[in-house]
Protein backbone atom coordinates (compact mmCIF):
# COMPACT_ATOMS: atom_id res chain seq x y z
CA UNK A 1 101.12 127.03 53.99
CA UNK A 2 98.80 127.27 57.08
CA UNK A 3 100.17 128.57 60.36
CA UNK A 4 100.31 125.58 62.74
CA UNK A 5 100.99 127.66 65.84
CA UNK A 6 97.62 129.34 65.98
CA UNK A 7 94.78 127.31 67.35
CA UNK A 8 91.09 127.96 67.29
CA UNK A 9 89.98 131.41 68.31
CA UNK A 10 88.99 131.64 71.98
CA UNK A 11 85.89 133.37 73.14
CA UNK A 12 86.61 136.35 75.39
CA UNK A 13 85.91 135.80 79.07
CA UNK A 14 82.59 137.02 80.29
CA UNK A 15 82.42 139.68 82.97
CA UNK A 16 80.89 137.10 85.33
CA UNK A 17 83.86 134.79 84.79
CA UNK A 18 86.32 137.63 85.34
CA UNK A 19 84.53 138.61 88.55
CA UNK A 20 84.62 135.00 89.78
CA UNK A 21 88.36 134.80 89.11
CA UNK A 22 88.96 138.09 90.93
CA UNK A 23 86.84 136.92 93.89
CA UNK A 24 88.85 133.67 94.05
CA UNK A 25 92.13 135.60 94.04
CA UNK A 26 90.90 137.93 96.78
CA UNK A 27 89.68 135.04 98.93
CA UNK A 28 92.94 133.14 98.44
CA UNK A 29 94.93 136.24 99.36
CA UNK A 30 92.95 136.77 102.57
CA UNK A 31 93.34 133.12 103.59
CA UNK A 32 97.07 133.06 102.77
CA UNK A 33 97.81 136.26 104.70
CA UNK A 34 95.95 135.07 107.78
CA UNK A 35 97.61 131.63 107.74
CA UNK A 36 101.06 133.21 107.28
CA UNK A 37 100.41 135.57 110.18
CA UNK A 38 99.27 132.90 112.62
CA UNK A 39 102.17 130.70 111.57
CA UNK A 40 104.61 133.55 112.16
CA UNK A 41 103.06 134.48 115.53
CA UNK A 42 102.83 130.93 116.83
CA UNK A 43 104.11 130.76 120.43
CA UNK A 44 107.73 129.79 120.75
CA UNK A 45 109.43 127.80 123.46
CA UNK A 46 110.63 129.53 126.57
CA UNK A 47 109.55 132.61 128.40
CA UNK A 48 107.71 135.16 126.31
CA UNK A 49 109.54 138.46 125.98
CA UNK A 50 107.71 141.72 126.35
CA UNK A 51 108.44 144.69 124.10
CA UNK A 52 109.95 146.46 127.14
CA UNK A 53 112.39 143.61 127.80
CA UNK A 54 113.38 143.57 124.12
CA UNK A 55 114.00 147.34 124.19
CA UNK A 56 116.07 146.95 127.36
CA UNK A 57 118.23 144.28 125.71
CA UNK A 58 118.50 146.43 122.58
CA UNK A 59 119.86 149.29 124.68
CA UNK A 60 122.37 146.94 126.36
CA UNK A 61 123.54 145.63 122.99
CA UNK A 62 123.97 149.19 121.68
CA UNK A 63 126.15 150.04 124.69
CA UNK A 64 128.28 146.92 124.22
CA UNK A 65 128.80 147.71 120.54
CA UNK A 66 130.86 150.78 121.41
CA UNK A 67 133.73 148.80 122.92
CA UNK A 68 133.29 145.38 121.29
CA UNK A 69 136.04 143.44 119.54
CA UNK A 70 135.44 142.83 115.80
CA UNK A 71 134.05 139.28 116.13
CA UNK A 72 131.91 140.14 119.15
CA UNK A 73 130.77 143.25 117.28
CA UNK A 74 129.58 141.06 114.40
CA UNK A 75 127.49 138.94 116.78
CA UNK A 76 126.11 142.00 118.55
CA UNK A 77 125.13 143.60 115.25
CA UNK A 78 123.21 140.44 114.33
CA UNK A 79 121.54 140.34 117.74
CA UNK A 80 120.58 143.99 117.35
CA UNK A 81 119.00 143.27 113.96
CA UNK A 82 117.12 140.28 115.43
CA UNK A 83 115.85 142.35 118.36
CA UNK A 84 114.71 145.14 116.05
CA UNK A 85 112.87 142.62 113.87
CA UNK A 86 111.22 141.18 117.00
CA UNK A 87 110.01 144.65 117.99
CA UNK A 88 108.65 145.22 114.48
CA UNK A 89 106.79 141.90 114.57
CA UNK A 90 105.29 142.75 117.95
CA UNK A 91 104.05 146.05 116.55
CA UNK A 92 102.50 144.35 113.53
CA UNK A 93 100.43 141.88 115.58
CA UNK A 94 97.79 144.58 115.93
CA UNK A 95 97.10 143.86 112.26
CA UNK A 96 96.00 140.32 113.22
CA UNK A 97 92.47 141.52 113.97
CA UNK A 98 92.08 143.00 110.50
CA UNK A 99 93.45 139.86 108.84
CA UNK A 100 91.23 137.67 111.01
CA UNK A 101 88.10 139.62 110.06
CA UNK A 102 88.99 139.29 106.36
CA UNK A 103 89.62 135.56 106.86
CA UNK A 104 86.28 135.04 108.61
CA UNK A 105 84.46 136.70 105.69
CA UNK A 106 85.91 134.39 103.04
CA UNK A 107 87.00 131.16 104.76
CA UNK A 108 83.74 129.24 104.38
CA UNK A 109 83.37 129.95 100.65
CA UNK A 110 87.06 129.30 100.05
CA UNK A 111 86.97 126.02 102.00
CA UNK A 112 83.85 124.79 100.22
CA UNK A 113 85.30 125.63 96.82
CA UNK A 114 88.65 123.98 97.58
CA UNK A 115 87.29 121.03 99.61
CA UNK A 116 88.96 122.08 102.88
CA UNK A 117 87.28 120.70 105.98
CA UNK A 118 87.31 121.68 109.64
CA UNK A 119 90.16 119.34 110.65
CA UNK A 120 92.45 120.71 107.95
CA UNK A 121 91.82 124.28 109.10
CA UNK A 122 92.56 123.25 112.71
CA UNK A 123 95.75 121.42 111.68
CA UNK A 124 96.85 124.60 109.89
CA UNK A 125 96.58 126.46 113.21
CA UNK A 126 93.22 128.23 112.86
CA UNK A 127 91.50 128.38 116.25
CA UNK A 128 88.11 126.79 116.81
CA UNK A 129 86.68 130.18 117.79
CA UNK A 130 87.72 131.74 114.48
CA UNK A 131 86.26 128.80 112.55
CA UNK A 132 83.03 129.13 114.48
CA UNK A 133 82.82 132.83 113.55
CA UNK A 134 83.46 131.83 109.92
CA UNK A 135 80.58 129.33 110.22
CA UNK A 136 82.86 126.38 109.50
CA UNK A 137 81.63 123.50 111.60
CA UNK A 138 82.62 119.93 112.16
CA UNK A 139 80.78 117.47 109.98
CA UNK A 140 80.14 113.83 110.81
CA UNK A 141 83.00 112.93 108.47
CA UNK A 142 85.34 115.24 110.42
CA UNK A 143 84.28 113.81 113.77
CA UNK A 144 84.70 110.24 112.52
CA UNK A 145 88.15 111.01 111.12
CA UNK A 146 89.23 112.47 114.46
CA UNK A 147 88.42 109.26 116.30
CA UNK A 148 90.84 106.39 116.21
CA UNK A 149 89.41 102.90 115.81
CA UNK A 150 89.81 100.59 118.78
CA UNK A 151 91.67 97.34 118.50
CA UNK A 152 89.42 94.26 118.51
CA UNK A 153 88.72 92.94 121.97
CA UNK A 154 89.60 96.20 123.79
CA UNK A 155 87.09 98.26 125.69
């Protein structure tokens, strides 16, 4: 009785095909990392805190922990963890330049392959300057989509 689970034999992938798949994965990884970073570092409401002010608050929280009641201690421990994470994020923003350079190298090819236009990149938070360096420009379709049609009879 023939084995119904096995289908026709597949041809092995060519080296060119494997290289194209690897290039696509690398480009996707560079784009994803950059978009995640700019999303994470997007400005938040309120006054921006400097690393010095965060360290100062971290020291104050550490002092309060010594004599805190159990419930207040719990809240202070969480605040301390949040402040430490904020300091770590501030230290990792220096990596943004490296991620941005990698993004600029691959964004145009990635966008063309995936059909991503200028307006979509901008809506995702990529700055116009970065898109310009990546040689991603507005097309007439993008400009037309950005304009809103006027109501009849209005000037």
